[in-house]
Amino acid sequence: MPNAVSGTVLVPNIPWPREDRPIITFAVGTHGLGSQVAPSYLLRTGTEPETELIAVALDRGWAVVITDYEGLGTPGTHTYTVGRAQGHAMLDAARAAQRLPGSGLTTDCPVGIWGYAQGGQASAFAGELHPTYAPELRIRAAAAGAVPIDLLDIIHRNDGVFTGPVLAGLVGHAAAYPDLPFDELLTEAGRTAVDQVRELGAPELVTRFLGRELSDFLDTSGLFEQPRWRARLAESVAGRNGGPVVPTLVYHSTDDEIVPFAFGERLRDSYRAAGTPVRWHPLSGLAHFPAALASSRVVVSWFDEHFSEPSAISGPRDAR
């Protein structure tokens, strides 16, 4: 069912020699579920934590569109960690940016997909969904970093440490799929916690529930053994049903303490098996958050390479 998703389009004042200024559709990492942490709001207030990454692309003369994701900048609950919803939001953001009056962008401009962590999951799904959902977009390349490809594994690993974000992921799936049994699994404390989760930003999600376990808030055995839950969580596994047709940079730090490095290796292997042209870039000695900024030059060089290739201008499927 169609719904409204907000976002922000940034076009630098740097002159572009042609009418096909490239555009990056950019997805942020975990910000939380509260409307006060929507990227469009944080960009206006100068408090968006991924501004440095966005600026790297703008400095190249490329336009950038940043989606707020479903339910984050608009009414409703943010569909956090739901791969398909996030991929659609990125592709729709690119479509909208190309048609924005006064932007100088055109429907013929080359497009790049970029995101890290939650944004990496969104980017992976945008790349995978592109041929069937938005084949008219002239996507040249994608870059997906620290992709949490196995949500069940993430839940088990982070329960008791990052319990708030884990609970937020379940809230996001329940919002995307109302048929999932959720309310009936909640304890009394869980019902209170879910109301709080919907209003919190990422730092508060971590600190508010630090030391608590998921079982404090819901019947975990009922959740993990529920076929519908297992099926829906599996649908958000990147690479499960093939890979992008465009060249894709997969990057991950060996020292990532939140999303295991093995996830990056698994995504790389899944995409290669599907025929995706993959470039693999492992980083070392960097924790989860520092790795995002440290990888920005590699990502920009990746897009520079594909935006400047004359052979890539003929269409997305030719990139294979």
C-alpha atoms as a PDB file:
ATOM      1  CA  MET A   1       0.000   0.000   0.000  1.00  0.00           C
ATOM      2  CA  PRO A   2       1.461   3.422  -0.928  1.00  0.00           C
ATOM      3  CA  ASN A   3       2.460   5.686   1.936  1.00  0.00           C
ATOM      4  CA  ALA A   4       4.300   8.972   2.405  1.00  0.00           C
ATOM      5  CA  VAL A   5       8.003   8.963   3.285  1.00  0.00           C
ATOM      6  CA  SER A   6       9.855  12.238   3.813  1.00  0.00           C
ATOM      7  CA  GLY A   7      13.469  13.060   3.008  1.00  0.00           C
ATOM      8  CA  THR A   8      15.976  15.789   2.206  1.00  0.00           C
ATOM      9  CA  VAL A   9      17.600  16.686  -1.116  1.00  0.00           C
ATOM     10  CA  LEU A  10      20.950  18.484  -1.042  1.00  0.00           C
ATOM     11  CA  VAL A  11      22.496  19.905  -4.215  1.00  0.00           C
ATOM     12  CA  PRO A  12      25.917  21.558  -3.879  1.00  0.00           C
ATOM     13  CA  ASN A  13      26.763  24.912  -5.412  1.00  0.00           C
ATOM     14  CA  ILE A  14      29.649  23.282  -7.257  1.00  0.00           C
ATOM     15  CA  PRO A  15      29.030  23.656 -11.030  1.00  0.00           C
ATOM     16  CA  TRP A  16      28.531  20.425 -12.932  1.00  0.00           C
ATOM     17  CA  PRO A  17      29.733  20.364 -16.572  1.00  0.00           C
ATOM     18  CA  ARG A  18      26.755  18.381 -17.870  1.00  0.00           C
ATOM     19  CA  GLU A  19      23.038  18.043 -17.168  1.00  0.00           C
ATOM     20  CA  ASP A  20      23.438  14.624 -15.559  1.00  0.00           C
ATOM     21  CA  ARG A  21      24.778  15.566 -12.116  1.00  0.00           C
ATOM     22  CA  PRO A  22      25.056  12.264 -10.198  1.00  0.00           C
ATOM     23  CA  ILE A  23      22.921  11.697  -7.148  1.00  0.00           C
ATOM     24  CA  ILE A  24      23.635   9.550  -4.116  1.00  0.00           C
ATOM     25  CA  THR A  25      20.636   8.070  -2.338  1.00  0.00           C
ATOM     26  CA  PHE A  26      21.909   7.858   1.230  1.00  0.00           C
ATOM     27  CA  ALA A  27      20.539   5.895   4.181  1.00  0.00           C
ATOM     28  CA  VAL A  28      21.602   6.668   7.736  1.00  0.00           C
ATOM     29  CA  GLY A  29      22.477   4.168  10.432  1.00  0.00           C
ATOM     30  CA  THR A  30      20.391   3.613  13.539  1.00  0.00           C
ATOM     31  CA  HIS A  31      18.926   6.888  14.790  1.00  0.00           C
ATOM     32  CA  GLY A  32      16.048   5.494  16.832  1.00  0.00           C
ATOM     33  CA  LEU A  33      12.290   5.554  16.351  1.00  0.00           C
ATOM     34  CA  GLY A  34      11.350   8.985  17.717  1.00  0.00           C
ATOM     35  CA  SER A  35      10.327  11.651  15.213  1.00  0.00           C
ATOM     36  CA  GLN A  36      12.882  14.030  16.753  1.00  0.00           C
ATOM     37  CA  VAL A  37      15.723  11.950  15.252  1.00  0.00           C
ATOM     38  CA  ALA A  38      14.516  11.935  11.644  1.00  0.00           C
ATOM     39  CA  PRO A  39      17.485  12.926   9.449  1.00  0.00           C
ATOM     40  CA  SER A  40      15.492  15.759   7.836  1.00  0.00           C
ATOM     41  CA  TYR A  41      15.002  17.338  11.255  1.00  0.00           C
ATOM     42  CA  LEU A  42      18.580  16.758  12.408  1.00  0.00           C
ATOM     43  CA  LEU A  43      19.974  18.224   9.183  1.00  0.00           C
ATOM     44  CA  ARG A  44      17.938  21.392   9.722  1.00  0.00           C
ATOM     45  CA  THR A  45      19.200  21.721  13.291  1.00  0.00           C
ATOM     46  CA  GLY A  46      22.820  20.912  12.411  1.00  0.00           C
ATOM     47  CA  THR A  47      22.873  17.822  14.622  1.00  0.00           C
ATOM     48  CA  GLU A  48      22.799  14.989  12.079  1.00  0.00           C
ATOM     49  CA  PRO A  49      25.606  12.584  13.159  1.00  0.00           C
ATOM     50  CA  GLU A  50      26.355  11.448   9.585  1.00  0.00           C
ATOM     51  CA  THR A  51      26.825  14.930   8.155  1.00  0.00           C
ATOM     52  CA  GLU A  52      30.523  14.256   7.544  1.00  0.00           C
ATOM     53  CA  LEU A  53      29.699  11.303   5.309  1.00  0.00           C
ATOM     54  CA  ILE A  54      27.103  13.278   3.392  1.00  0.00           C
ATOM     55  CA  ALA A  55      29.544  16.184   3.001  1.00  0.00           C
ATOM     56  CA  VAL A  56      32.146  13.928   1.380  1.00  0.00           C
ATOM     57  CA  ALA A  57      29.706  13.218  -1.439  1.00  0.00           C
ATOM     58  CA  LEU A  58      28.625  16.856  -1.750  1.00  0.00           C
ATOM     59  CA  ASP A  59      32.271  17.908  -2.012  1.00  0.00           C
ATOM     60  CA  ARG A  60      32.529  15.795  -5.161  1.00  0.00           C
ATOM     61  CA  GLY A  61      29.730  17.856  -6.708  1.00  0.00           C
ATOM     62  CA  TRP A  62      27.158  15.104  -6.383  1.00  0.00           C
ATOM     63  CA  ALA A  63      23.647  15.674  -5.120  1.00  0.00           C
ATOM     64  CA  VAL A  64      22.542  13.653  -2.098  1.00  0.00           C
ATOM     65  CA  VAL A  65      19.042  12.597  -1.081  1.00  0.00           C
ATOM     66  CA  ILE A  66      18.600  11.285   2.455  1.00  0.00           C
ATOM     67  CA  THR A  67      15.481   9.291   3.216  1.00  0.00           C
ATOM     68  CA  ASP A  68      13.825   9.495   6.624  1.00  0.00           C
ATOM     69  CA  TYR A  69      12.651   5.915   6.171  1.00  0.00           C
ATOM     70  CA  GLU A  70       9.038   4.885   6.612  1.00  0.00           C
ATOM     71  CA  GLY A  71       7.456   6.216   9.796  1.00  0.00           C
ATOM     72  CA  LEU A  72      10.463   8.193  11.035  1.00  0.00           C
ATOM     73  CA  GLY A  73       9.824  11.623   9.551  1.00  0.00           C
ATOM     74  CA  THR A  74       6.125  10.980   9.006  1.00  0.00           C
ATOM     75  CA  PRO A  75       3.229   9.674  11.136  1.00  0.00           C
ATOM     76  CA  GLY A  76       3.332   6.034  12.165  1.00  0.00           C
ATOM     77  CA  THR A  77       5.973   3.736  13.613  1.00  0.00           C
ATOM     78  CA  HIS A  78       9.351   3.495  11.900  1.00  0.00           C
ATOM     79  CA  THR A  79       9.784   0.108  10.208  1.00  0.00           C
ATOM     80  CA  TYR A  80      13.252  -0.256  11.707  1.00  0.00           C
ATOM     81  CA  THR A  81      15.364  -3.167  10.362  1.00  0.00           C
ATOM     82  CA  VAL A  82      12.727  -4.219   7.794  1.00  0.00           C
ATOM     83  CA  GLY A  83      14.873  -4.676   4.709  1.00  0.00           C
ATOM     84  CA  ARG A  84      12.240  -4.344   2.007  1.00  0.00           C
ATOM     85  CA  ALA A  85      10.678  -1.196   3.498  1.00  0.00           C
ATOM     86  CA  GLN A  86      14.072   0.462   3.829  1.00  0.00           C
ATOM     87  CA  GLY A  87      15.148  -0.484   0.312  1.00  0.00           C
ATOM     88  CA  HIS A  88      11.935   0.921  -1.125  1.00  0.00           C
ATOM     89  CA  ALA A  89      12.472   4.163   0.812  1.00  0.00           C
ATOM     90  CA  MET A  90      15.924   4.623  -0.738  1.00  0.00           C
ATOM     91  CA  LEU A  91      14.770   3.975  -4.283  1.00  0.00           C
ATOM     92  CA  ASP A  92      11.698   6.169  -3.920  1.00  0.00           C
ATOM     93  CA  ALA A  93      13.895   8.958  -2.507  1.00  0.00           C
ATOM     94  CA  ALA A  94      16.034   8.859  -5.651  1.00  0.00           C
ATOM     95  CA  ARG A  95      12.934   8.979  -7.839  1.00  0.00           C
ATOM     96  CA  ALA A  96      11.538  11.950  -5.940  1.00  0.00           C
ATOM     97  CA  ALA A  97      14.836  13.861  -5.999  1.00  0.00           C
ATOM     98  CA  GLN A  98      15.118  13.527  -9.768  1.00  0.00           C
ATOM     99  CA  ARG A  99      11.694  15.129 -10.154  1.00  0.00           C
ATOM    100  CA  LEU A 100      12.098  17.906  -7.597  1.00  0.00           C
ATOM    101  CA  PRO A 101      11.488  21.278  -9.283  1.00  0.00           C
ATOM    102  CA  GLY A 102      14.495  23.563  -9.172  1.00  0.00           C
ATOM    103  CA  SER A 103      16.978  20.859  -8.176  1.00  0.00           C
ATOM    104  CA  GLY A 104      18.621  20.729 -11.599  1.00  0.00           C
ATOM    105  CA  LEU A 105      18.490  16.930 -11.450  1.00  0.00           C
ATOM    106  CA  THR A 106      17.130  14.807 -14.260  1.00  0.00           C
ATOM    107  CA  THR A 107      15.739  11.317 -14.660  1.00  0.00           C
ATOM    108  CA  ASP A 108      18.823  10.490 -16.748  1.00  0.00           C
ATOM    109  CA  CYS A 109      21.322  11.212 -13.980  1.00  0.00           C
ATOM    110  CA  PRO A 110      23.491   8.372 -12.671  1.00  0.00           C
ATOM    111  CA  VAL A 111      22.561   7.158  -9.200  1.00  0.00           C
ATOM    112  CA  GLY A 112      24.614   5.635  -6.398  1.00  0.00           C
ATOM    113  CA  ILE A 113      23.289   3.782  -3.335  1.00  0.00           C
ATOM    114  CA  TRP A 114      25.141   4.258  -0.033  1.00  0.00           C
ATOM    115  CA  GLY A 115      24.590   3.328   3.593  1.00  0.00           C
ATOM    116  CA  TYR A 116      26.224   1.865   6.692  1.00  0.00           C
ATOM    117  CA  ALA A 117      24.787  -0.367   9.465  1.00  0.00           C
ATOM    118  CA  GLN A 118      21.007   0.114   9.282  1.00  0.00           C
ATOM    119  CA  GLY A 119      21.805   2.163   6.190  1.00  0.00           C
ATOM    120  CA  GLY A 120      23.909  -0.729   4.922  1.00  0.00           C
ATOM    121  CA  GLN A 121      20.958  -3.064   5.235  1.00  0.00           C
ATOM    122  CA  ALA A 122      18.805  -0.500   3.422  1.00  0.00           C
ATOM    123  CA  SER A 123      21.425  -0.122   0.668  1.00  0.00           C
ATOM    124  CA  ALA A 124      21.755  -3.867   0.196  1.00  0.00           C
ATOM    125  CA  PHE A 125      17.994  -4.196  -0.205  1.00  0.00           C
ATOM    126  CA  ALA A 126      17.785  -1.163  -2.483  1.00  0.00           C
ATOM    127  CA  GLY A 127      20.376  -2.782  -4.728  1.00  0.00           C
ATOM    128  CA  GLU A 128      18.578  -6.109  -4.691  1.00  0.00           C
ATOM    129  CA  LEU A 129      15.133  -4.600  -5.323  1.00  0.00           C
ATOM    130  CA  HIS A 130      16.233  -2.135  -7.981  1.00  0.00           C
ATOM    131  CA  PRO A 131      15.684  -4.333 -11.099  1.00  0.00           C
ATOM    132  CA  THR A 132      12.078  -5.140 -10.221  1.00  0.00           C
ATOM    133  CA  TYR A 133      10.977  -2.146  -8.132  1.00  0.00           C
ATOM    134  CA  ALA A 134      12.710   0.786  -9.835  1.00  0.00           C
ATOM    135  CA  PRO A 135      14.295  -0.442 -13.081  1.00  0.00           C
ATOM    136  CA  GLU A 136      14.091   3.054 -14.609  1.00  0.00           C
ATOM    137  CA  LEU A 137      16.713   4.385 -12.194  1.00  0.00           C
ATOM    138  CA  ARG A 138      20.138   4.519 -13.826  1.00  0.00           C
ATOM    139  CA  ILE A 139      21.984   3.093 -10.848  1.00  0.00           C
ATOM    140  CA  ARG A 140      25.705   2.768 -11.428  1.00  0.00           C
ATOM    141  CA  ALA A 141      26.926   1.253  -8.174  1.00  0.00           C
ATOM    142  CA  ALA A 142      26.042   0.523  -4.568  1.00  0.00           C
ATOM    143  CA  ALA A 143      28.034   0.583  -1.322  1.00  0.00           C
ATOM    144  CA  ALA A 144      26.842  -1.288   1.773  1.00  0.00           C
ATOM    145  CA  GLY A 145      28.827  -1.299   5.016  1.00  0.00           C
ATOM    146  CA  ALA A 146      28.422  -3.310   8.237  1.00  0.00           C
ATOM    147  CA  VAL A 147      25.226  -4.940   7.015  1.00  0.00           C
ATOM    148  CA  PRO A 148      23.313  -6.794   9.759  1.00  0.00           C
ATOM    149  CA  ILE A 149      22.280  -9.654   7.509  1.00  0.00           C
ATOM    150  CA  ASP A 150      21.120 -12.112  10.205  1.00  0.00           C
ATOM    151  CA  LEU A 151      18.581 -10.452  12.491  1.00  0.00           C
ATOM    152  CA  LEU A 152      18.003 -13.516  14.674  1.00  0.00           C
ATOM    153  CA  ASP A 153      21.738 -13.728  15.283  1.00  0.00           C
ATOM    154  CA  ILE A 154      21.885  -9.999  16.034  1.00  0.00           C
ATOM    155  CA  ILE A 155      19.042 -10.358  18.529  1.00  0.00           C
ATOM    156  CA  HIS A 156      20.778 -13.172  20.389  1.00  0.00           C
ATOM    157  CA  ARG A 157      24.182 -11.465  20.352  1.00  0.00           C
ATOM    158  CA  ASN A 158      22.945  -8.097  21.589  1.00  0.00           C
ATOM    159  CA  ASP A 159      20.290  -9.202  24.065  1.00  0.00           C
ATOM    160  CA  GLY A 160      21.326  -7.866  27.471  1.00  0.00           C
ATOM    161  CA  VAL A 161      23.700  -5.286  25.991  1.00  0.00           C
ATOM    162  CA  PHE A 162      21.837  -3.457  23.215  1.00  0.00           C
ATOM    163  CA  THR A 163      18.416  -4.674  24.316  1.00  0.00           C
ATOM    164  CA  GLY A 164      16.759  -1.362  23.417  1.00  0.00           C
ATOM    165  CA  PRO A 165      17.748  -1.447  19.729  1.00  0.00           C
ATOM    166  CA  VAL A 166      16.853  -5.153  19.609  1.00  0.00           C
ATOM    167  CA  LEU A 167      13.385  -4.393  20.951  1.00  0.00           C
ATOM    168  CA  ALA A 168      13.115  -1.517  18.470  1.00  0.00           C
ATOM    169  CA  GLY A 169      13.778  -3.953  15.615  1.00  0.00           C
ATOM    170  CA  LEU A 170      10.881  -6.110  16.764  1.00  0.00           C
ATOM    171  CA  VAL A 171       8.666  -3.035  17.059  1.00  0.00           C
ATOM    172  CA  GLY A 172       9.667  -2.105  13.499  1.00  0.00           C
ATOM    173  CA  HIS A 173       8.709  -5.517  12.151  1.00  0.00           C
ATOM    174  CA  ALA A 174       5.415  -5.504  14.036  1.00  0.00           C
ATOM    175  CA  ALA A 175       4.648  -2.121  12.450  1.00  0.00           C
ATOM    176  CA  ALA A 176       5.464  -3.388   8.962  1.00  0.00           C
ATOM    177  CA  TYR A 177       3.540  -6.636   9.388  1.00  0.00           C
ATOM    178  CA  PRO A 178       0.412  -6.158  11.543  1.00  0.00           C
ATOM    179  CA  ASP A 179      -0.390  -9.865  11.161  1.00  0.00           C
ATOM    180  CA  LEU A 180       2.579 -10.776  13.374  1.00  0.00           C
ATOM    181  CA  PRO A 181       1.659 -11.763  16.935  1.00  0.00           C
ATOM    182  CA  PHE A 182       3.337  -9.155  19.094  1.00  0.00           C
ATOM    183  CA  ASP A 183       1.109  -7.463  21.652  1.00  0.00           C
ATOM    184  CA  GLU A 184       0.092 -10.818  23.079  1.00  0.00           C
ATOM    185  CA  LEU A 185       3.751 -11.710  23.657  1.00  0.00           C
ATOM    186  CA  LEU A 186       4.467  -8.569  25.707  1.00  0.00           C
ATOM    187  CA  THR A 187       4.672  -8.539  29.483  1.00  0.00           C
ATOM    188  CA  GLU A 188       3.278  -5.593  31.431  1.00  0.00           C
ATOM    189  CA  ALA A 189       6.787  -4.144  31.504  1.00  0.00           C
ATOM    190  CA  GLY A 190       7.022  -4.844  27.782  1.00  0.00           C
ATOM    191  CA  ARG A 191       3.951  -2.800  26.939  1.00  0.00           C
ATOM    192  CA  THR A 192       5.427   0.161  28.804  1.00  0.00           C
ATOM    193  CA  ALA A 193       8.816  -0.367  27.153  1.00  0.00           C
ATOM    194  CA  VAL A 194       7.344  -0.485  23.643  1.00  0.00           C
ATOM    195  CA  ASP A 195       5.569   2.826  24.199  1.00  0.00           C
ATOM    196  CA  GLN A 196       8.926   4.304  25.247  1.00  0.00           C
ATOM    197  CA  VAL A 197      10.857   2.728  22.380  1.00  0.00           C
ATOM    198  CA  ARG A 198       8.622   4.417  19.810  1.00  0.00           C
ATOM    199  CA  GLU A 199       9.670   7.838  21.144  1.00  0.00           C
ATOM    200  CA  LEU A 200      13.406   7.378  21.758  1.00  0.00           C
ATOM    201  CA  GLY A 201      16.565   8.216  19.841  1.00  0.00           C
ATOM    202  CA  ALA A 202      19.443   5.748  19.509  1.00  0.00           C
ATOM    203  CA  PRO A 203      21.499   6.832  22.573  1.00  0.00           C
ATOM    204  CA  GLU A 204      18.453   6.622  24.839  1.00  0.00           C
ATOM    205  CA  LEU A 205      17.497   3.260  23.348  1.00  0.00           C
ATOM    206  CA  VAL A 206      20.826   1.928  24.565  1.00  0.00           C
ATOM    207  CA  THR A 207      21.021   3.585  27.984  1.00  0.00           C
ATOM    208  CA  ARG A 208      17.347   3.207  28.995  1.00  0.00           C
ATOM    209  CA  PHE A 209      17.454  -0.592  28.684  1.00  0.00           C
ATOM    210  CA  LEU A 210      21.090  -1.270  29.531  1.00  0.00           C
ATOM    211  CA  GLY A 211      21.403  -4.428  31.582  1.00  0.00           C
ATOM    212  CA  ARG A 212      17.852  -5.550  30.831  1.00  0.00           C
ATOM    213  CA  GLU A 213      17.111  -8.689  28.847  1.00  0.00           C
ATOM    214  CA  LEU A 214      14.554  -9.149  26.118  1.00  0.00           C
ATOM    215  CA  SER A 215      12.773 -11.749  28.240  1.00  0.00           C
ATOM    216  CA  ASP A 216      11.951  -8.969  30.726  1.00  0.00           C
ATOM    217  CA  PHE A 217       9.639  -7.526  28.108  1.00  0.00           C
ATOM    218  CA  LEU A 218       8.219 -10.387  26.097  1.00  0.00           C
ATOM    219  CA  ASP A 219       7.872 -14.128  25.766  1.00  0.00           C
ATOM    220  CA  THR A 220      11.056 -14.835  23.798  1.00  0.00           C
ATOM    221  CA  SER A 221      10.317 -18.544  23.351  1.00  0.00           C
ATOM    222  CA  GLY A 222       6.972 -17.640  21.822  1.00  0.00           C
ATOM    223  CA  LEU A 223       8.717 -15.158  19.544  1.00  0.00           C
ATOM    224  CA  PHE A 224      11.617 -17.305  18.322  1.00  0.00           C
ATOM    225  CA  GLU A 225       9.473 -20.397  17.819  1.00  0.00           C
ATOM    226  CA  GLN A 226       6.713 -18.514  15.997  1.00  0.00           C
ATOM    227  CA  PRO A 227       6.837 -19.507  12.287  1.00  0.00           C
ATOM    228  CA  ARG A 228       5.497 -16.151  11.106  1.00  0.00           C
ATOM    229  CA  TRP A 229       8.138 -14.246  13.077  1.00  0.00           C
ATOM    230  CA  ARG A 230      10.943 -16.466  11.850  1.00  0.00           C
ATOM    231  CA  ALA A 231       9.748 -16.064   8.268  1.00  0.00           C
ATOM    232  CA  ARG A 232       9.454 -12.277   8.465  1.00  0.00           C
ATOM    233  CA  LEU A 233      12.861 -11.868  10.116  1.00  0.00           C
ATOM    234  CA  ALA A 234      14.357 -14.129   7.446  1.00  0.00           C
ATOM    235  CA  GLU A 235      12.893 -11.877   4.733  1.00  0.00           C
ATOM    236  CA  SER A 236      15.141  -9.077   6.035  1.00  0.00           C
ATOM    237  CA  VAL A 237      18.304 -11.107   5.451  1.00  0.00           C
ATOM    238  CA  ALA A 238      20.276  -9.395   2.690  1.00  0.00           C
ATOM    239  CA  GLY A 239      21.508 -11.700  -0.054  1.00  0.00           C
ATOM    240  CA  ARG A 240      18.971 -14.407   0.755  1.00  0.00           C
ATOM    241  CA  ASN A 241      17.217 -14.105  -2.588  1.00  0.00           C
ATOM    242  CA  GLY A 242      20.010 -13.016  -4.903  1.00  0.00           C
ATOM    243  CA  GLY A 243      22.069  -9.875  -5.242  1.00  0.00           C
ATOM    244  CA  PRO A 244      22.192  -6.514  -7.029  1.00  0.00           C
ATOM    245  CA  VAL A 245      22.864  -6.409 -10.744  1.00  0.00           C
ATOM    246  CA  VAL A 246      25.077  -3.335 -10.345  1.00  0.00           C
ATOM    247  CA  PRO A 247      28.654  -3.338  -9.004  1.00  0.00           C
ATOM    248  CA  THR A 248      28.500  -3.390  -5.210  1.00  0.00           C
ATOM    249  CA  LEU A 249      31.112  -2.456  -2.630  1.00  0.00           C
ATOM    250  CA  VAL A 250      30.767  -4.493   0.566  1.00  0.00           C
ATOM    251  CA  TYR A 251      32.853  -3.229   3.476  1.00  0.00           C
ATOM    252  CA  HIS A 252      33.180  -4.210   7.114  1.00  0.00           C
ATOM    253  CA  SER A 253      35.643  -3.856   9.991  1.00  0.00           C
ATOM    254  CA  THR A 254      37.264  -6.943  11.480  1.00  0.00           C
ATOM    255  CA  ASP A 255      36.864  -5.323  14.911  1.00  0.00           C
ATOM    256  CA  ASP A 256      33.177  -4.437  14.641  1.00  0.00           C
ATOM    257  CA  GLU A 257      31.726  -5.077  18.096  1.00  0.00           C
ATOM    258  CA  ILE A 258      28.069  -4.731  17.060  1.00  0.00           C
ATOM    259  CA  VAL A 259      27.715  -6.351  13.637  1.00  0.00           C
ATOM    260  CA  PRO A 260      30.065  -9.364  13.315  1.00  0.00           C
ATOM    261  CA  PHE A 261      32.720  -9.213  10.612  1.00  0.00           C
ATOM    262  CA  ALA A 262      31.570 -12.654   9.469  1.00  0.00           C
ATOM    263  CA  PHE A 263      28.316 -11.040   8.317  1.00  0.00           C
ATOM    264  CA  GLY A 264      30.248  -8.984   5.777  1.00  0.00           C
ATOM    265  CA  GLU A 265      32.043 -12.083   4.519  1.00  0.00           C
ATOM    266  CA  ARG A 266      28.734 -13.924   4.201  1.00  0.00           C
ATOM    267  CA  LEU A 267      27.151 -11.082   2.246  1.00  0.00           C
ATOM    268  CA  ARG A 268      30.177 -10.887  -0.037  1.00  0.00           C
ATOM    269  CA  ASP A 269      29.974 -14.616  -0.746  1.00  0.00           C
ATOM    270  CA  SER A 270      26.185 -14.559  -1.250  1.00  0.00           C
ATOM    271  CA  TYR A 271      26.420 -11.727  -3.740  1.00  0.00           C
ATOM    272  CA  ARG A 272      29.273 -13.309  -5.648  1.00  0.00           C
ATOM    273  CA  ALA A 273      27.339 -16.567  -5.861  1.00  0.00           C
ATOM    274  CA  ALA A 274      24.388 -14.611  -7.275  1.00  0.00           C
ATOM    275  CA  GLY A 275      26.591 -13.059  -9.968  1.00  0.00           C
ATOM    276  CA  THR A 276      26.863  -9.566  -8.475  1.00  0.00           C
ATOM    277  CA  PRO A 277      30.128  -7.778  -9.350  1.00  0.00           C
ATOM    278  CA  VAL A 278      31.435  -7.350  -5.789  1.00  0.00           C
ATOM    279  CA  ARG A 279      34.391  -5.420  -4.463  1.00  0.00           C
ATOM    280  CA  TRP A 280      35.263  -6.485  -0.941  1.00  0.00           C
ATOM    281  CA  HIS A 281      36.929  -3.978   1.387  1.00  0.00           C
ATOM    282  CA  PRO A 282      37.749  -5.206   4.900  1.00  0.00           C
ATOM    283  CA  LEU A 283      38.935  -2.672   7.472  1.00  0.00           C
ATOM    284  CA  SER A 284      40.965  -3.506  10.566  1.00  0.00           C
ATOM    285  CA  GLY A 285      41.572  -1.971  13.979  1.00  0.00           C
ATOM    286  CA  LEU A 286      38.325   0.015  13.965  1.00  0.00           C
ATOM    287  CA  ALA A 287      35.179  -0.351  16.029  1.00  0.00           C
ATOM    288  CA  HIS A 288      31.718  -0.134  14.467  1.00  0.00           C
ATOM    289  CA  PHE A 289      31.203   3.648  14.462  1.00  0.00           C
ATOM    290  CA  PRO A 290      34.751   4.838  13.588  1.00  0.00           C
ATOM    291  CA  ALA A 291      34.787   2.436  10.634  1.00  0.00           C
ATOM    292  CA  ALA A 292      31.905   4.309   8.998  1.00  0.00           C
ATOM    293  CA  LEU A 293      33.883   7.542   8.646  1.00  0.00           C
ATOM    294  CA  ALA A 294      37.207   5.831   7.940  1.00  0.00           C
ATOM    295  CA  SER A 295      35.721   4.060   4.932  1.00  0.00           C
ATOM    296  CA  SER A 296      34.249   7.191   3.325  1.00  0.00           C
ATOM    297  CA  ARG A 297      37.185   7.853   0.969  1.00  0.00           C
ATOM    298  CA  VAL A 298      37.063   4.299  -0.336  1.00  0.00           C
ATOM    299  CA  VAL A 299      33.323   4.597  -0.913  1.00  0.00           C
ATOM    300  CA  VAL A 300      33.631   7.929  -2.728  1.00  0.00           C
ATOM    301  CA  SER A 301      36.431   6.551  -4.925  1.00  0.00           C
ATOM    302  CA  TRP A 302      34.164   3.619  -5.731  1.00  0.00           C
ATOM    303  CA  PHE A 303      31.375   5.890  -6.913  1.00  0.00           C
ATOM    304  CA  ASP A 304      33.830   8.180  -8.715  1.00  0.00           C
ATOM    305  CA  GLU A 305      35.028   5.194 -10.694  1.00  0.00           C
ATOM    306  CA  HIS A 306      31.538   4.160 -11.772  1.00  0.00           C
ATOM    307  CA  PHE A 307      30.074   7.608 -12.337  1.00  0.00           C
ATOM    308  CA  SER A 308      32.909   8.375 -14.743  1.00  0.00           C
ATOM    309  CA  GLU A 309      32.678   5.158 -16.767  1.00  0.00           C
ATOM    310  CA  PRO A 310      31.199   5.921 -20.221  1.00  0.00           C
ATOM    311  CA  SER A 311      30.087   2.292 -20.613  1.00  0.00           C
ATOM    312  CA  ALA A 312      27.889   2.573 -17.512  1.00  0.00           C
ATOM    313  CA  ILE A 313      25.634   5.226 -19.010  1.00  0.00           C
ATOM    314  CA  SER A 314      23.616   2.741 -21.067  1.00  0.00           C
ATOM    315  CA  GLY A 315      21.576   1.359 -18.151  1.00  0.00           C
ATOM    316  CA  PRO A 316      21.687  -0.602 -14.944  1.00  0.00           C
ATOM    317  CA  ARG A 317      21.675  -4.112 -16.368  1.00  0.00           C
ATOM    318  CA  ASP A 318      24.728  -3.409 -18.549  1.00  0.00           C
ATOM    319  CA  ALA A 319      26.792  -3.048 -15.365  1.00  0.00           C
ATOM    320  CA  ARG A 320      27.006  -6.806 -15.056  1.00  0.00           C
END
